[in-house]
Amino acid sequence: MAIYEFIKNLVTFRKRKHESIQESKRARTENVSNGESVGKALNDLLIKKREKRNKQRCKNGEQRKRKS
């Protein structure tokens, strides 16, 4: 009987987890009216990350030059 309860709880947990994932996906897509603005936002984010990484690399390069 305990095994049955355990499996039943697992199934319920998985179902709830799946529902919460679907809800969060729905919430993300509802906030943006069309896919074009999502692509633009992602592109802007990638550009910012790239600039930050390049800036960090430049700082590290200057530090290496000073040491040598």
Protein backbone atom coordinates (compact mmCIF):
# COMPACT_ATOMS: atom_id res chain seq x y z
CA MET A 1 0.00 0.00 0.00
CA ALA A 2 2.86 2.38 0.78
CA ILE A 3 4.33 1.86 -2.68
CA TYR A 4 0.98 2.74 -4.25
CA GLU A 5 0.80 6.00 -2.24
CA PHE A 6 4.39 6.84 -3.16
CA ILE A 7 3.75 6.38 -6.88
CA LYS A 8 0.50 8.31 -6.64
CA ASN A 9 2.34 11.22 -4.99
CA LEU A 10 5.04 11.14 -7.65
CA VAL A 11 2.49 11.32 -10.44
CA THR A 12 0.73 14.23 -8.74
CA PHE A 13 4.02 16.07 -8.23
CA ARG A 14 5.04 15.63 -11.88
CA LYS A 15 1.65 16.86 -13.05
CA ARG A 16 1.90 19.99 -10.88
CA LYS A 17 5.46 20.66 -12.02
CA HIS A 18 4.42 20.36 -15.67
CA GLU A 19 1.51 22.74 -15.10
CA SER A 20 3.73 25.33 -13.43
CA ILE A 21 6.23 25.17 -16.29
CA GLN A 22 3.42 25.65 -18.81
CA GLU A 23 2.08 28.61 -16.82
CA SER A 24 5.46 30.32 -16.75
CA LYS A 25 5.87 29.81 -20.50
CA ARG A 26 2.41 31.25 -21.06
CA ALA A 27 3.19 34.23 -18.87
CA ARG A 28 6.36 34.96 -20.82
CA THR A 29 4.61 34.85 -24.17
CA GLU A 30 1.62 36.88 -22.97
CA ASN A 31 3.85 39.77 -21.91
CA VAL A 32 5.12 40.19 -25.47
CA SER A 33 2.62 40.77 -28.24
CA ASN A 34 4.70 39.47 -31.13
CA GLY A 35 7.80 37.37 -31.69
CA GLU A 36 9.64 40.24 -33.34
CA SER A 37 10.00 42.17 -30.09
CA VAL A 38 11.17 38.99 -28.33
CA GLY A 39 13.90 38.55 -30.92
CA LYS A 40 14.92 42.19 -30.57
CA ALA A 41 15.07 41.91 -26.78
CA LEU A 42 17.19 38.75 -26.99
CA ASN A 43 19.49 40.37 -29.53
CA ASP A 44 19.96 43.41 -27.29
CA LEU A 45 20.76 41.14 -24.37
CA LEU A 46 23.36 39.23 -26.39
CA ILE A 47 24.97 42.47 -27.53
CA LYS A 48 25.21 43.71 -23.93
CA LYS A 49 26.74 40.42 -22.78
CA ARG A 50 29.26 40.50 -25.64
CA GLU A 51 30.25 44.10 -24.86
CA LYS A 52 30.68 43.27 -21.18
CA ARG A 53 32.84 40.24 -22.01
CA ASN A 54 34.98 42.25 -24.44
CA LYS A 55 35.45 45.00 -21.86
CA GLN A 56 36.54 42.41 -19.28
CA ARG A 57 38.97 40.87 -21.78
CA CYS A 58 40.48 44.28 -22.47
CA LYS A 59 41.01 44.86 -18.75
CA ASN A 60 42.66 41.47 -18.39
CA GLY A 61 44.89 42.16 -21.40
CA GLU A 62 46.07 45.47 -19.91
CA GLN A 63 46.86 43.79 -16.60
CA ARG A 64 48.94 41.14 -18.37
CA LYS A 65 50.89 43.81 -20.28
CA ARG A 66 51.67 45.68 -17.06
CA LYS A 67 53.01 42.54 -15.40
CA SER A 68 55.43 41.74 -18.23
